[in-house]
Every structure is written in C-alpha cells, then in structure tokens.
C-alpha cells in the first residue's frame, strides 16, 4: 500500500486539491428536475460560486467567515432543512421581510408582484403525462424572472404572512406548481446555503438522446 501511495502521490494530491476546490470554492450542479423551469431545465449543469456567501470548512456546514449577503432574486444551492438533499431554488425573501402568497400572487412587505407577458405552455410532468400551463414575468422588489403555473396540478398557492427571522431565507421554485420548497419544508438557515448559481455551463436535452442544447451553453442567470 505504501509503495502504491508513493507511486501515485501526485495523483492523490490532485484529487485532494480537486475535492477541496469543489467543496469550498466552486462547484457545478446538474439539474435533475423541472422545479426551476423555465429558468433552468433538466439536463442543465450550472456553475456554483461556493464563496458567494460564506467560507466553510470543506465537507462541512461549519462557517468560518461571511463573504457576502444573500439577496432577493439569487438562484441558490442549499441543503434541504428537511432531509439534507441538495436543492436549487430562487431566494425570494431575506431576514426582516414579511412574505405571503395569495392565490399564487407573491407579496413582500405588503407589495404585490406584477405579472405580465403571459405565454401558454405544455409541460411534461411524468413520462406519460403532460399538462398545460401559463408562463409569466413576475416583477417584485426590483427583480423580475419568468415563472410558471400548471393547470390542474394541486399545489400550495397561498400561505399566511410570515416574518423571515435573522439568519433564515425563504426559497421558491420558479415552477410554482412543481416545486418542493419553503412552502413545504420551511425557511432555510444560512449555514445550509451552499452557494450562488451564476450560469449554465453546459446543457443536454435528456428527452432527445442527450443532444447538446448549444444555445444554453454559458447562459447567465
């Protein structure tokens, strides 16, 4: 064993440095589900800046120092407070915000989101099931993004006003009727944030023999 380690120490050092880089500095995140449609699609691989908010001890959630503040509108990767699964969602409310949803309309600090540029879409939600939906531009608190709702899909479309406490954040998927997010597992503590997604590195159409979607390569979020 010692002889093998000695013969391969350069490769082992590379693996160690690579692991530290991926767990502490920057990472990439494949998109496995449609919860962030239309912003992110299944088959996208996004680049994640792990130093956007905190410096952590590699392979842990132990925060050494803060490097920046999470902002409304950021697309964030984090560990689910429910089961630790890595998720990617939209950060829609920061500490001190009063946030609520009424019949799919998002409110922050008493201001209702504006919705326009409606577009009818057809979305596949299972291998043998597709449903119609509506895609709109949501504008609120100086941010805008395309979001969508699906027709005939049961989802939590309203919740009472909640004040986001210090050190916690409220996350929603842009695909509002097909996303497990803060409506279901609650607010996300800061130490569970992994990083900020900056853009799409590469993309492949998982429903079309993994053909590359070149138009999405390098697309910023």
C-alpha atoms as a PDB file:
ATOM      1  CA  UNK A   1       0.000   0.000   0.000  1.00  0.00           C
ATOM      2  CA  UNK A   2       2.786   2.437   0.909  1.00  0.00           C
ATOM      3  CA  UNK A   3       4.506   1.707  -2.394  1.00  0.00           C
ATOM      4  CA  UNK A   4       1.256   2.399  -4.282  1.00  0.00           C
ATOM      5  CA  UNK A   5       0.694   5.666  -2.390  1.00  0.00           C
ATOM      6  CA  UNK A   6       4.260   6.775  -3.095  1.00  0.00           C
ATOM      7  CA  UNK A   7       3.936   5.934  -6.776  1.00  0.00           C
ATOM      8  CA  UNK A   8       0.640   7.809  -7.080  1.00  0.00           C
ATOM      9  CA  UNK A   9       1.149  10.669  -4.638  1.00  0.00           C
ATOM     10  CA  UNK A  10       0.915  13.291  -7.368  1.00  0.00           C
ATOM     11  CA  UNK A  11      -2.491  11.972  -8.445  1.00  0.00           C
ATOM     12  CA  UNK A  12      -3.656  11.724  -4.816  1.00  0.00           C
ATOM     13  CA  UNK A  13      -2.629  15.323  -4.138  1.00  0.00           C
ATOM     14  CA  UNK A  14      -4.534  16.355  -7.255  1.00  0.00           C
ATOM     15  CA  UNK A  15      -7.657  14.538  -6.027  1.00  0.00           C
ATOM     16  CA  UNK A  16      -7.346  16.165  -2.608  1.00  0.00           C
ATOM     17  CA  UNK A  17      -6.975  19.658  -4.097  1.00  0.00           C
ATOM     18  CA  UNK A  18      -9.813  18.985  -6.524  1.00  0.00           C
ATOM     19  CA  UNK A  19     -12.058  17.842  -3.674  1.00  0.00           C
ATOM     20  CA  UNK A  20     -11.245  20.936  -1.612  1.00  0.00           C
ATOM     21  CA  UNK A  21     -11.907  23.141  -4.653  1.00  0.00           C
ATOM     22  CA  UNK A  22     -15.309  21.567  -5.282  1.00  0.00           C
ATOM     23  CA  UNK A  23     -16.405  21.600  -1.645  1.00  0.00           C
ATOM     24  CA  UNK A  24     -15.080  25.016  -0.618  1.00  0.00           C
ATOM     25  CA  UNK A  25     -14.581  27.279  -3.648  1.00  0.00           C
ATOM     26  CA  UNK A  26     -16.604  26.428  -6.744  1.00  0.00           C
ATOM     27  CA  UNK A  27     -18.758  23.575  -7.929  1.00  0.00           C
ATOM     28  CA  UNK A  28     -21.149  22.510 -10.648  1.00  0.00           C
ATOM     29  CA  UNK A  29     -24.669  21.310 -10.108  1.00  0.00           C
ATOM     30  CA  UNK A  30     -26.661  19.120 -12.547  1.00  0.00           C
ATOM     31  CA  UNK A  31     -30.366  19.967 -12.714  1.00  0.00           C
ATOM     32  CA  UNK A  32     -32.349  16.735 -12.202  1.00  0.00           C
ATOM     33  CA  UNK A  33     -35.919  18.084 -12.081  1.00  0.00           C
ATOM     34  CA  UNK A  34     -38.204  20.736 -13.527  1.00  0.00           C
ATOM     35  CA  UNK A  35     -38.729  22.733 -10.311  1.00  0.00           C
ATOM     36  CA  UNK A  36     -36.905  25.785 -11.701  1.00  0.00           C
ATOM     37  CA  UNK A  37     -38.480  25.801 -15.153  1.00  0.00           C
ATOM     38  CA  UNK A  38     -38.342  27.905 -17.246  1.00  0.00           C
ATOM     39  CA  UNK A  39     -35.116  29.406 -15.793  1.00  0.00           C
ATOM     40  CA  UNK A  40     -33.343  26.045 -15.545  1.00  0.00           C
ATOM     41  CA  UNK A  41     -34.122  22.878 -17.469  1.00  0.00           C
ATOM     42  CA  UNK A  42     -33.473  19.232 -16.716  1.00  0.00           C
ATOM     43  CA  UNK A  43     -30.080  18.447 -18.215  1.00  0.00           C
ATOM     44  CA  UNK A  44     -28.570  21.862 -17.470  1.00  0.00           C
ATOM     45  CA  UNK A  45     -25.343  21.923 -15.460  1.00  0.00           C
ATOM     46  CA  UNK A  46     -24.902  25.183 -13.542  1.00  0.00           C
ATOM     47  CA  UNK A  47     -21.742  26.776 -12.167  1.00  0.00           C
ATOM     48  CA  UNK A  48     -21.958  27.466  -8.415  1.00  0.00           C
ATOM     49  CA  UNK A  49     -19.825  30.013  -6.554  1.00  0.00           C
ATOM     50  CA  UNK A  50     -19.362  28.491  -3.096  1.00  0.00           C
ATOM     51  CA  UNK A  51     -17.643  31.639  -1.815  1.00  0.00           C
ATOM     52  CA  UNK A  52     -20.566  33.920  -2.657  1.00  0.00           C
ATOM     53  CA  UNK A  53     -21.864  33.979   0.921  1.00  0.00           C
ATOM     54  CA  UNK A  54     -19.538  32.114   3.281  1.00  0.00           C
ATOM     55  CA  UNK A  55     -16.192  30.384   3.665  1.00  0.00           C
ATOM     56  CA  UNK A  56     -16.786  26.942   5.155  1.00  0.00           C
ATOM     57  CA  UNK A  57     -14.645  24.106   6.397  1.00  0.00           C
ATOM     58  CA  UNK A  58     -14.527  21.700   3.400  1.00  0.00           C
ATOM     59  CA  UNK A  59     -17.087  18.891   3.525  1.00  0.00           C
ATOM     60  CA  UNK A  60     -18.988  20.542   6.402  1.00  0.00           C
ATOM     61  CA  UNK A  61     -21.574  23.256   7.077  1.00  0.00           C
ATOM     62  CA  UNK A  62     -19.226  24.974   9.539  1.00  0.00           C
ATOM     63  CA  UNK A  63     -18.983  28.665   8.577  1.00  0.00           C
ATOM     64  CA  UNK A  64     -15.598  30.319   9.114  1.00  0.00           C
ATOM     65  CA  UNK A  65     -16.495  33.786   7.857  1.00  0.00           C
ATOM     66  CA  UNK A  66     -19.102  35.592   5.763  1.00  0.00           C
ATOM     67  CA  UNK A  67     -18.089  36.838   2.319  1.00  0.00           C
ATOM     68  CA  UNK A  68     -21.352  38.353   1.083  1.00  0.00           C
ATOM     69  CA  UNK A  69     -25.048  38.683   1.789  1.00  0.00           C
ATOM     70  CA  UNK A  70     -27.688  36.537   0.062  1.00  0.00           C
ATOM     71  CA  UNK A  71     -30.026  38.770  -1.953  1.00  0.00           C
ATOM     72  CA  UNK A  72     -33.569  38.526  -3.206  1.00  0.00           C
ATOM     73  CA  UNK A  73     -33.592  37.051  -6.672  1.00  0.00           C
ATOM     74  CA  UNK A  74     -30.436  34.948  -6.261  1.00  0.00           C
ATOM     75  CA  UNK A  75     -30.586  31.385  -7.551  1.00  0.00           C
ATOM     76  CA  UNK A  76     -29.146  29.416  -4.649  1.00  0.00           C
ATOM     77  CA  UNK A  77     -27.998  25.864  -3.986  1.00  0.00           C
ATOM     78  CA  UNK A  78     -28.553  24.644  -0.431  1.00  0.00           C
ATOM     79  CA  UNK A  79     -29.084  21.575   1.699  1.00  0.00           C
ATOM     80  CA  UNK A  80     -32.732  20.881   2.426  1.00  0.00           C
ATOM     81  CA  UNK A  81     -33.546  21.501   6.121  1.00  0.00           C
ATOM     82  CA  UNK A  82     -35.874  18.524   5.830  1.00  0.00           C
ATOM     83  CA  UNK A  83     -33.526  15.750   4.727  1.00  0.00           C
ATOM     84  CA  UNK A  84     -30.215  17.285   3.617  1.00  0.00           C
ATOM     85  CA  UNK A  85     -30.852  16.794  -0.108  1.00  0.00           C
ATOM     86  CA  UNK A  86     -29.062  19.361  -2.273  1.00  0.00           C
ATOM     87  CA  UNK A  87     -31.611  21.676  -3.881  1.00  0.00           C
ATOM     88  CA  UNK A  88     -31.546  24.724  -6.148  1.00  0.00           C
ATOM     89  CA  UNK A  89     -34.253  27.387  -5.832  1.00  0.00           C
ATOM     90  CA  UNK A  90     -34.910  31.112  -6.062  1.00  0.00           C
ATOM     91  CA  UNK A  91     -34.273  33.160  -2.916  1.00  0.00           C
ATOM     92  CA  UNK A  92     -37.339  35.394  -2.650  1.00  0.00           C
ATOM     93  CA  UNK A  93     -37.250  36.761   0.920  1.00  0.00           C
ATOM     94  CA  UNK A  94     -34.422  37.792   3.245  1.00  0.00           C
ATOM     95  CA  UNK A  95     -34.319  38.420   7.024  1.00  0.00           C
ATOM     96  CA  UNK A  96     -36.795  41.095   8.066  1.00  0.00           C
ATOM     97  CA  UNK A  97     -39.092  40.624   5.058  1.00  0.00           C
ATOM     98  CA  UNK A  98     -42.788  39.967   5.545  1.00  0.00           C
ATOM     99  CA  UNK A  99     -43.739  37.475   2.839  1.00  0.00           C
ATOM    100  CA  UNK A 100     -47.006  35.820   1.888  1.00  0.00           C
ATOM    101  CA  UNK A 101     -48.777  34.298  -1.098  1.00  0.00           C
ATOM    102  CA  UNK A 102     -52.425  34.824  -2.004  1.00  0.00           C
ATOM    103  CA  UNK A 103     -53.872  32.712  -4.804  1.00  0.00           C
ATOM    104  CA  UNK A 104     -50.445  32.401  -6.472  1.00  0.00           C
ATOM    105  CA  UNK A 105     -49.642  36.116  -6.121  1.00  0.00           C
ATOM    106  CA  UNK A 106     -46.453  36.735  -4.127  1.00  0.00           C
ATOM    107  CA  UNK A 107     -46.339  39.645  -1.634  1.00  0.00           C
ATOM    108  CA  UNK A 108     -43.214  41.024   0.033  1.00  0.00           C
ATOM    109  CA  UNK A 109     -43.503  43.757   2.656  1.00  0.00           C
ATOM    110  CA  UNK A 110     -47.055  44.447   1.531  1.00  0.00           C
ATOM    111  CA  UNK A 111     -46.139  44.885  -2.139  1.00  0.00           C
ATOM    112  CA  UNK A 112     -47.850  42.553  -4.605  1.00  0.00           C
ATOM    113  CA  UNK A 113     -45.887  41.133  -7.516  1.00  0.00           C
ATOM    114  CA  UNK A 114     -46.895  42.227 -11.014  1.00  0.00           C
ATOM    115  CA  UNK A 115     -47.402  39.576 -13.678  1.00  0.00           C
ATOM    116  CA  UNK A 116     -47.339  40.162 -17.427  1.00  0.00           C
ATOM    117  CA  UNK A 117     -46.170  38.731 -20.777  1.00  0.00           C
ATOM    118  CA  UNK A 118     -48.372  35.637 -20.379  1.00  0.00           C
ATOM    119  CA  UNK A 119     -47.474  32.614 -22.507  1.00  0.00           C
ATOM    120  CA  UNK A 120     -49.296  29.297 -22.808  1.00  0.00           C
ATOM    121  CA  UNK A 121     -47.023  26.245 -22.467  1.00  0.00           C
ATOM    122  CA  UNK A 122     -47.298  22.452 -22.390  1.00  0.00           C
ATOM    123  CA  UNK A 123     -45.189  20.753 -19.720  1.00  0.00           C
ATOM    124  CA  UNK A 124     -44.336  17.080 -19.222  1.00  0.00           C
ATOM    125  CA  UNK A 125     -44.643  16.197 -15.530  1.00  0.00           C
ATOM    126  CA  UNK A 126     -44.330  12.413 -15.903  1.00  0.00           C
ATOM    127  CA  UNK A 127     -43.235  10.059 -18.706  1.00  0.00           C
ATOM    128  CA  UNK A 128     -46.833   9.533 -19.778  1.00  0.00           C
ATOM    129  CA  UNK A 129     -48.427  12.782 -18.601  1.00  0.00           C
ATOM    130  CA  UNK A 130     -48.278  16.368 -19.801  1.00  0.00           C
ATOM    131  CA  UNK A 131     -50.330  19.357 -18.694  1.00  0.00           C
ATOM    132  CA  UNK A 132     -50.943  22.870 -19.894  1.00  0.00           C
ATOM    133  CA  UNK A 133     -49.509  25.811 -18.049  1.00  0.00           C
ATOM    134  CA  UNK A 134     -49.113  29.563 -18.030  1.00  0.00           C
ATOM    135  CA  UNK A 135     -45.727  31.285 -18.002  1.00  0.00           C
ATOM    136  CA  UNK A 136     -45.421  34.938 -16.916  1.00  0.00           C
ATOM    137  CA  UNK A 137     -42.849  37.528 -15.920  1.00  0.00           C
ATOM    138  CA  UNK A 138     -43.003  38.164 -12.163  1.00  0.00           C
ATOM    139  CA  UNK A 139     -41.796  41.626 -11.088  1.00  0.00           C
ATOM    140  CA  UNK A 140     -41.312  42.427  -7.406  1.00  0.00           C
ATOM    141  CA  UNK A 141     -38.927  44.490  -5.272  1.00  0.00           C
ATOM    142  CA  UNK A 142     -36.818  45.480  -8.271  1.00  0.00           C
ATOM    143  CA  UNK A 143     -36.355  41.905  -9.551  1.00  0.00           C
ATOM    144  CA  UNK A 144     -38.015  40.040 -12.373  1.00  0.00           C
ATOM    145  CA  UNK A 145     -37.990  36.421 -13.532  1.00  0.00           C
ATOM    146  CA  UNK A 146     -40.093  34.090 -15.638  1.00  0.00           C
ATOM    147  CA  UNK A 147     -42.267  31.799 -13.545  1.00  0.00           C
ATOM    148  CA  UNK A 148     -44.995  29.358 -14.408  1.00  0.00           C
ATOM    149  CA  UNK A 149     -48.082  27.642 -13.066  1.00  0.00           C
ATOM    150  CA  UNK A 150     -49.507  24.334 -14.224  1.00  0.00           C
ATOM    151  CA  UNK A 151     -53.204  23.744 -14.844  1.00  0.00           C
ATOM    152  CA  UNK A 152     -54.958  21.104 -12.786  1.00  0.00           C
ATOM    153  CA  UNK A 153     -51.958  20.374 -10.545  1.00  0.00           C
ATOM    154  CA  UNK A 154     -52.567  20.508  -6.805  1.00  0.00           C
ATOM    155  CA  UNK A 155     -50.034  22.761  -5.074  1.00  0.00           C
ATOM    156  CA  UNK A 156     -49.917  25.215  -2.194  1.00  0.00           C
ATOM    157  CA  UNK A 157     -50.917  28.503  -3.851  1.00  0.00           C
ATOM    158  CA  UNK A 158     -51.486  30.555  -0.674  1.00  0.00           C
ATOM    159  CA  UNK A 159     -49.812  30.922   2.711  1.00  0.00           C
ATOM    160  CA  UNK A 160     -50.200  33.416   5.550  1.00  0.00           C
ATOM    161  CA  UNK A 161     -47.780  36.276   6.117  1.00  0.00           C
ATOM    162  CA  UNK A 162     -44.552  35.271   7.843  1.00  0.00           C
ATOM    163  CA  UNK A 163     -41.719  37.475   9.088  1.00  0.00           C
ATOM    164  CA  UNK A 164     -38.402  35.985   7.979  1.00  0.00           C
ATOM    165  CA  UNK A 165     -36.146  35.857  11.078  1.00  0.00           C
ATOM    166  CA  UNK A 166     -32.463  36.748  11.206  1.00  0.00           C
ATOM    167  CA  UNK A 167     -30.236  34.173   9.567  1.00  0.00           C
ATOM    168  CA  UNK A 168     -33.002  32.469   7.552  1.00  0.00           C
ATOM    169  CA  UNK A 169     -34.302  32.702   3.969  1.00  0.00           C
ATOM    170  CA  UNK A 170     -37.422  31.782   2.020  1.00  0.00           C
ATOM    171  CA  UNK A 171     -36.944  29.799  -1.197  1.00  0.00           C
ATOM    172  CA  UNK A 172     -39.375  29.136  -4.047  1.00  0.00           C
ATOM    173  CA  UNK A 173     -39.027  27.261  -7.311  1.00  0.00           C
ATOM    174  CA  UNK A 174     -39.815  29.247 -10.452  1.00  0.00           C
ATOM    175  CA  UNK A 175     -42.061  26.354 -11.485  1.00  0.00           C
ATOM    176  CA  UNK A 176     -44.508  27.139  -8.697  1.00  0.00           C
ATOM    177  CA  UNK A 177     -46.813  24.128  -9.054  1.00  0.00           C
ATOM    178  CA  UNK A 178     -43.995  21.584  -9.371  1.00  0.00           C
ATOM    179  CA  UNK A 179     -41.511  22.532  -6.669  1.00  0.00           C
ATOM    180  CA  UNK A 180     -40.799  21.274  -3.152  1.00  0.00           C
ATOM    181  CA  UNK A 181     -39.622  24.478  -1.486  1.00  0.00           C
ATOM    182  CA  UNK A 182     -40.089  26.661   1.609  1.00  0.00           C
ATOM    183  CA  UNK A 183     -43.865  26.295   1.352  1.00  0.00           C
ATOM    184  CA  UNK A 184     -43.375  22.678   2.399  1.00  0.00           C
ATOM    185  CA  UNK A 185     -40.107  22.387   4.358  1.00  0.00           C
ATOM    186  CA  UNK A 186     -39.938  25.872   5.867  1.00  0.00           C
ATOM    187  CA  UNK A 187     -37.270  28.549   5.925  1.00  0.00           C
ATOM    188  CA  UNK A 188     -33.623  27.758   5.180  1.00  0.00           C
ATOM    189  CA  UNK A 189     -30.923  28.663   7.768  1.00  0.00           C
ATOM    190  CA  UNK A 190     -27.882  30.438   6.395  1.00  0.00           C
ATOM    191  CA  UNK A 191     -25.445  27.679   7.341  1.00  0.00           C
ATOM    192  CA  UNK A 192     -27.262  25.349   4.907  1.00  0.00           C
ATOM    193  CA  UNK A 193     -26.632  27.638   1.924  1.00  0.00           C
ATOM    194  CA  UNK A 194     -24.024  26.127  -0.408  1.00  0.00           C
ATOM    195  CA  UNK A 195     -23.536  28.859  -2.965  1.00  0.00           C
ATOM    196  CA  UNK A 196     -24.946  31.086  -5.673  1.00  0.00           C
ATOM    197  CA  UNK A 197     -25.596  29.682  -9.149  1.00  0.00           C
ATOM    198  CA  UNK A 198     -24.109  32.043 -11.725  1.00  0.00           C
ATOM    199  CA  UNK A 199     -24.908  30.469 -15.068  1.00  0.00           C
ATOM    200  CA  UNK A 200     -25.345  27.374 -17.208  1.00  0.00           C
ATOM    201  CA  UNK A 201     -22.057  25.667 -18.054  1.00  0.00           C
ATOM    202  CA  UNK A 202     -23.429  23.054 -20.460  1.00  0.00           C
ATOM    203  CA  UNK A 203     -26.830  21.609 -21.263  1.00  0.00           C
ATOM    204  CA  UNK A 204     -28.211  18.446 -22.855  1.00  0.00           C
ATOM    205  CA  UNK A 205     -31.767  17.512 -23.779  1.00  0.00           C
ATOM    206  CA  UNK A 206     -32.477  14.440 -21.648  1.00  0.00           C
ATOM    207  CA  UNK A 207     -35.610  13.678 -23.716  1.00  0.00           C
ATOM    208  CA  UNK A 208     -33.788  13.760 -27.049  1.00  0.00           C
ATOM    209  CA  UNK A 209     -30.880  11.295 -26.691  1.00  0.00           C
ATOM    210  CA  UNK A 210     -28.882  13.788 -24.601  1.00  0.00           C
ATOM    211  CA  UNK A 211     -28.290  16.037 -27.578  1.00  0.00           C
ATOM    212  CA  UNK A 212     -26.448  19.224 -26.537  1.00  0.00           C
ATOM    213  CA  UNK A 213     -28.523  22.409 -26.281  1.00  0.00           C
ATOM    214  CA  UNK A 214     -25.802  24.727 -27.531  1.00  0.00           C
ATOM    215  CA  UNK A 215     -27.967  27.828 -27.165  1.00  0.00           C
ATOM    216  CA  UNK A 216     -27.906  27.350 -23.385  1.00  0.00           C
ATOM    217  CA  UNK A 217     -24.122  26.997 -23.019  1.00  0.00           C
ATOM    218  CA  UNK A 218     -22.771  29.937 -20.989  1.00  0.00           C
ATOM    219  CA  UNK A 219     -26.227  31.396 -20.307  1.00  0.00           C
ATOM    220  CA  UNK A 220     -26.123  33.674 -17.268  1.00  0.00           C
ATOM    221  CA  UNK A 221     -28.745  33.550 -14.529  1.00  0.00           C
END
